[in-house]
Protein backbone atom coordinates (compact mmCIF):
# COMPACT_ATOMS: atom_id res chain seq x y z
CA MET A 1 -6.88 15.08 1.30
CA PRO A 2 -6.17 11.35 1.17
CA GLY A 3 -3.97 10.17 -1.64
CA PHE A 4 -3.94 7.15 -3.89
CA ARG A 5 -1.37 5.57 -6.16
CA THR A 6 -1.71 3.10 -8.99
CA GLU A 7 1.13 1.57 -11.00
CA VAL A 8 0.64 -0.13 -14.35
CA PRO A 9 3.54 -2.02 -15.92
CA HIS A 10 3.85 -2.01 -19.71
CA THR A 11 6.22 -3.27 -22.38
CA LEU A 12 6.48 -0.01 -24.34
CA SER A 13 9.11 2.68 -24.40
CA LYS A 14 8.36 5.85 -22.48
CA ALA A 15 7.70 7.72 -25.75
CA ASP A 16 5.38 5.05 -27.18
CA ALA A 17 3.45 4.68 -23.92
CA THR A 18 3.08 8.46 -23.63
CA GLU A 19 1.68 8.65 -27.16
CA LYS A 20 -0.89 5.94 -26.39
CA LEU A 21 -1.91 7.68 -23.18
CA LYS A 22 -2.33 11.09 -24.79
CA VAL A 23 -5.81 9.96 -25.82
CA PHE A 24 -6.48 8.72 -22.29
CA ILE A 25 -8.56 11.74 -21.24
CA ASP A 26 -10.72 11.47 -24.36
CA ARG A 27 -11.17 7.76 -23.73
CA VAL A 28 -12.22 8.32 -20.12
CA ARG A 29 -14.52 11.17 -21.17
CA GLU A 30 -16.26 8.97 -23.75
CA HIS A 31 -16.41 5.75 -21.74
CA TYR A 32 -17.63 7.41 -18.53
CA LYS A 33 -19.68 10.26 -20.02
CA ASN A 34 -22.64 9.44 -17.76
CA GLN A 35 -20.47 9.40 -14.63
CA VAL A 36 -17.88 12.14 -15.21
CA SER A 37 -19.21 15.69 -15.33
CA ALA A 38 -15.90 17.50 -15.84
CA ILE A 39 -12.49 16.32 -16.95
CA ASP A 40 -9.41 18.34 -17.77
CA GLY A 41 -5.75 17.64 -18.27
CA SER A 42 -2.55 18.93 -19.77
CA TRP A 43 0.56 17.08 -20.87
CA GLN A 44 4.10 18.27 -20.35
CA ASP A 45 6.56 15.78 -21.79
CA ASN A 46 5.71 12.44 -20.11
CA LYS A 47 3.46 13.87 -17.35
CA LEU A 48 -0.25 14.49 -17.39
CA ASP A 49 -1.72 16.81 -14.76
CA PHE A 50 -5.44 16.07 -14.57
CA SER A 51 -8.64 16.64 -12.67
CA LEU A 52 -12.07 15.11 -13.02
CA THR A 53 -15.38 15.39 -11.25
CA THR A 54 -17.50 12.31 -10.75
CA PHE A 55 -20.62 11.98 -8.62
CA GLY A 56 -19.84 15.38 -7.11
CA PHE A 57 -16.28 14.44 -6.09
CA THR A 58 -13.27 16.15 -7.67
CA ILE A 59 -10.21 13.95 -8.12
CA SER A 60 -6.89 15.44 -9.19
CA GLY A 61 -3.51 13.97 -9.83
CA VAL A 62 -0.51 13.33 -12.03
CA LEU A 63 0.07 10.48 -14.46
CA THR A 64 3.80 9.91 -15.03
CA VAL A 65 4.90 7.64 -17.86
CA GLU A 66 8.27 5.95 -17.62
CA ASP A 67 9.90 3.06 -19.45
CA LYS A 68 8.07 -0.11 -18.39
CA ILE A 69 5.64 1.60 -15.95
CA ALA A 70 2.95 4.26 -15.72
CA ILE A 71 2.36 5.75 -12.28
CA LEU A 72 -0.78 7.61 -11.34
CA GLU A 73 -0.83 9.55 -8.09
CA GLY A 74 -3.83 11.53 -7.02
CA GLN A 75 -5.83 13.16 -4.30
CA LEU A 76 -9.36 12.31 -3.21
CA PRO A 77 -11.71 14.38 -1.10
CA PHE A 78 -12.36 12.83 2.33
CA ALA A 79 -15.97 12.16 1.33
CA ALA A 80 -14.76 9.83 -1.45
CA LEU A 81 -12.42 7.84 0.77
CA ALA A 82 -14.85 4.93 1.01
CA PHE A 83 -14.65 4.59 -2.80
CA ARG A 84 -10.83 4.72 -3.04
CA GLY A 85 -10.44 1.03 -3.96
CA LYS A 86 -13.10 1.21 -6.66
CA ILE A 87 -11.62 4.42 -8.07
CA GLU A 88 -8.08 3.01 -8.10
CA GLN A 89 -9.23 -0.20 -9.79
CA GLY A 90 -11.25 1.68 -12.42
CA ILE A 91 -8.32 3.93 -13.30
CA LYS A 92 -5.88 1.01 -13.35
CA SER A 93 -8.17 -0.95 -15.66
CA GLU A 94 -8.42 1.96 -18.11
CA LEU A 95 -4.66 2.48 -18.08
CA GLU A 96 -4.05 -1.22 -18.75
CA LYS A 97 -6.42 -1.11 -21.73
CA ALA A 98 -4.74 2.01 -23.10
CA LEU A 99 -1.25 0.53 -22.85
CA VAL A 100 -1.94 -2.67 -24.78
């Protein structure tokens, strides 16, 4: 499976950024309810393991929150490779909004 990586800088501590991002799945679920058919995730300390299904494609990955940066690394099915840029930009945009 092809991978993708998105980094979002922030000005928060790791703990504060993690707290803000703990509602990230709910935010994505609500904002994209017509496009995301399944979304799941679990936090362990400053890492979120997640998966979501959109337009028949399942995307999985890990969101790691550190001081000054949040890093999202994930896997896309080959069929979604043509949409990698759009997916990365959409996720990055949502992370930036959540970390304000």
